[in-house]
Protein backbone atom coordinates (compact mmCIF):
# COMPACT_ATOMS: atom_id res chain seq x y z
CA MET A 1 -18.66 -17.80 12.50
CA SER A 2 -15.25 -16.70 13.81
CA LEU A 3 -12.49 -19.29 13.35
CA THR A 4 -9.34 -19.55 15.47
CA PHE A 5 -6.70 -22.20 16.04
CA GLY A 6 -6.63 -24.30 19.18
CA PRO A 7 -3.68 -23.98 21.56
CA ASP A 8 -2.00 -27.30 20.72
CA ARG A 9 -0.68 -26.96 17.16
CA ARG A 10 1.81 -29.70 16.29
CA THR A 11 4.30 -30.21 13.48
CA HIS A 12 6.36 -33.14 12.29
CA VAL A 13 9.03 -33.52 9.58
CA TYR A 14 9.75 -36.81 7.87
CA GLU A 15 11.17 -38.10 4.59
CA CYS A 16 9.14 -38.62 1.41
CA ASP A 17 8.98 -42.27 0.34
CA CYS A 18 9.22 -41.46 -3.36
CA CYS A 19 12.05 -38.92 -3.54
CA HIS A 20 13.51 -38.65 -0.01
CA ALA A 21 12.75 -34.93 0.17
CA PRO A 22 11.41 -33.48 3.41
CA VAL A 23 7.70 -33.62 4.13
CA GLU A 24 6.29 -31.26 6.76
CA ARG A 25 2.98 -31.81 8.51
CA ALA A 26 1.01 -29.51 10.80
CA TRP A 27 -2.19 -30.32 12.65
CA ASN A 28 -4.45 -28.65 15.13
CA PHE A 29 -8.02 -27.99 16.18
CA VAL A 30 -9.92 -25.19 14.55
CA HIS A 31 -12.35 -23.49 16.91
CA ALA A 32 -15.56 -21.76 15.83
CA ASP A 33 -16.70 -19.00 18.14
CA GLY A 34 -14.37 -20.40 20.82
CA ALA A 35 -15.47 -24.07 20.71
CA PRO A 36 -13.72 -27.02 19.00
CA TYR A 37 -15.17 -27.32 15.50
CA ALA A 38 -12.76 -29.25 13.26
CA VAL A 39 -9.33 -30.85 13.13
CA TYR A 40 -6.99 -30.37 10.19
CA PHE A 41 -3.88 -32.16 8.97
CA ALA A 42 -1.84 -30.20 6.42
CA THR A 43 0.94 -32.11 4.69
CA CYS A 44 3.45 -30.07 2.67
CA TYR A 45 5.54 -31.92 0.09
CA HIS A 46 8.90 -30.64 -1.17
CA HIS A 47 9.26 -33.17 -3.99
CA ARG A 48 12.52 -33.11 -5.92
CA ASP A 49 10.96 -34.16 -9.23
CA ARG A 50 7.36 -32.90 -9.00
CA ASP A 51 5.42 -29.81 -8.02
CA HIS A 52 5.54 -28.67 -4.43
CA ASP A 53 2.04 -28.97 -3.03
CA ALA A 54 0.04 -29.35 0.15
CA TRP A 55 -2.70 -31.83 1.01
CA ILE A 56 -5.20 -30.74 3.64
CA ASP A 57 -7.54 -33.13 5.47
CA VAL A 58 -10.32 -31.59 7.57
CA ILE A 59 -12.42 -33.60 10.02
CA LEU A 60 -15.83 -32.11 10.81
CA GLY A 61 -18.11 -33.47 13.52
CA SER A 62 -18.84 -33.40 17.23
CA TRP A 63 -15.90 -32.90 19.57
CA GLY A 64 -17.15 -34.20 22.89
CA ALA A 65 -15.39 -35.93 25.73
CA GLY A 66 -14.48 -39.13 23.90
CA SER A 67 -14.49 -41.34 20.84
CA ASP A 68 -18.06 -42.45 21.53
CA GLN A 69 -19.10 -39.06 20.14
CA TRP A 70 -17.26 -39.43 16.79
CA ASP A 71 -20.02 -41.27 14.95
CA ASP A 72 -20.90 -38.10 13.02
CA HIS A 73 -17.34 -37.38 11.85
CA VAL A 74 -16.69 -36.85 8.17
CA THR A 75 -13.35 -36.08 6.53
CA PHE A 76 -12.83 -33.95 3.43
CA ALA A 77 -9.52 -33.32 1.66
CA CYS A 78 -8.00 -31.11 -0.98
CA ARG A 79 -4.72 -30.82 -2.84
CA VAL A 80 -3.39 -27.26 -3.09
CA GLY A 81 -0.69 -26.49 -5.60
CA PRO A 82 0.27 -25.31 -9.05
CA VAL A 83 -2.27 -25.54 -11.86
CA ALA A 84 -1.49 -25.01 -15.53
CA GLY A 85 -2.44 -21.53 -16.68
CA GLN A 86 -2.63 -19.99 -13.20
CA ASP A 87 -0.12 -17.85 -11.33
CA THR A 88 -1.33 -18.87 -7.89
CA PRO A 89 -1.99 -22.30 -6.32
CA ALA A 90 -5.47 -23.76 -6.58
CA SER A 91 -7.43 -26.19 -4.40
CA THR A 92 -8.96 -29.38 -5.75
CA LEU A 93 -11.06 -31.89 -3.82
CA VAL A 94 -9.39 -35.30 -3.50
CA GLN A 95 -9.86 -38.57 -1.64
CA ALA A 96 -9.70 -37.82 2.09
CA GLY A 97 -7.25 -39.45 4.46
CA LEU A 98 -4.70 -40.79 1.99
CA ALA A 99 -1.77 -39.72 4.19
CA GLN A 100 -3.49 -40.75 7.41
CA PRO A 101 -3.97 -44.23 8.87
CA ASP A 102 -7.53 -45.40 9.33
CA ALA A 103 -8.81 -44.41 12.75
CA PRO A 104 -12.28 -43.79 14.22
CA VAL A 105 -11.59 -40.05 14.57
CA PHE A 106 -11.78 -39.64 10.76
CA GLY A 107 -15.29 -41.05 10.55
CA ARG A 108 -16.27 -41.36 6.90
CA LYS A 109 -13.39 -40.43 4.57
CA LEU A 110 -15.02 -38.89 1.52
CA ASP A 111 -13.86 -39.35 -2.04
CA ARG A 112 -14.15 -36.41 -4.44
CA GLU A 113 -17.60 -37.36 -5.76
CA ALA A 114 -19.10 -37.85 -2.28
CA ALA A 115 -17.51 -34.59 -1.07
CA LEU A 116 -19.02 -32.64 -3.96
CA ARG A 117 -22.51 -33.81 -2.91
CA HIS A 118 -22.04 -33.52 0.86
CA PRO A 119 -24.04 -30.77 2.65
CA ARG A 120 -21.01 -29.78 4.77
CA LEU A 121 -18.79 -28.99 1.76
CA PRO A 122 -19.05 -25.19 2.32
CA GLU A 123 -17.84 -25.68 5.90
CA PHE A 124 -14.84 -27.66 4.63
CA TRP A 125 -13.88 -24.86 2.22
CA GLN A 126 -14.18 -22.29 5.01
CA VAL A 127 -11.83 -24.27 7.28
CA SER A 128 -9.46 -25.05 4.42
CA ASP A 129 -9.26 -21.36 3.46
CA PHE A 130 -8.61 -20.47 7.10
CA VAL A 131 -5.71 -22.96 7.25
CA LEU A 132 -4.28 -21.68 3.96
CA GLU A 133 -4.35 -18.10 5.21
CA HIS A 134 -3.24 -18.59 8.81
CA ASP A 135 -1.16 -21.73 9.35
CA PRO A 136 2.45 -20.49 9.02
CA LEU A 137 3.79 -23.75 7.59
CA VAL A 138 1.15 -24.04 4.87
CA ARG A 139 1.17 -20.34 4.03
CA GLY A 140 4.96 -20.25 3.74
CA HIS A 141 5.10 -23.45 1.71
CA LEU A 142 2.52 -22.38 -0.85
CA TYR A 143 2.87 -18.60 -0.94
CA ASN A 144 6.43 -18.01 0.33
CA ARG A 145 5.08 -15.73 3.08
């Protein structure tokens, strides 16, 4: 499966509620073999008093003409950031959709335990890895590249 970004990538900058540092968010479709496959939201935190990290939500499901086709949507999420004893950031499954308001497009927002058991978990990791490697905001935030 060949992944690419859709043509409508968006970004937004706002202020962190806890420390007033900037928060940057990027979102876009991810296409598989040219067709819409997933949507991601990557939120990059520049905390003043905590580790800099990124939280990535990925929605998998059908992407038809309208919301009536979202009944199979499922949302996974991970936190990517520093981990004790490692030189590079690591990804950890977390509760999905914490930084997103509830909306039908998210379908079922999985917690860590449900995500670990879900049959689409390998697809989530593939999309998450793609975002980490290719979204310029996320890549620059985590890897300074």
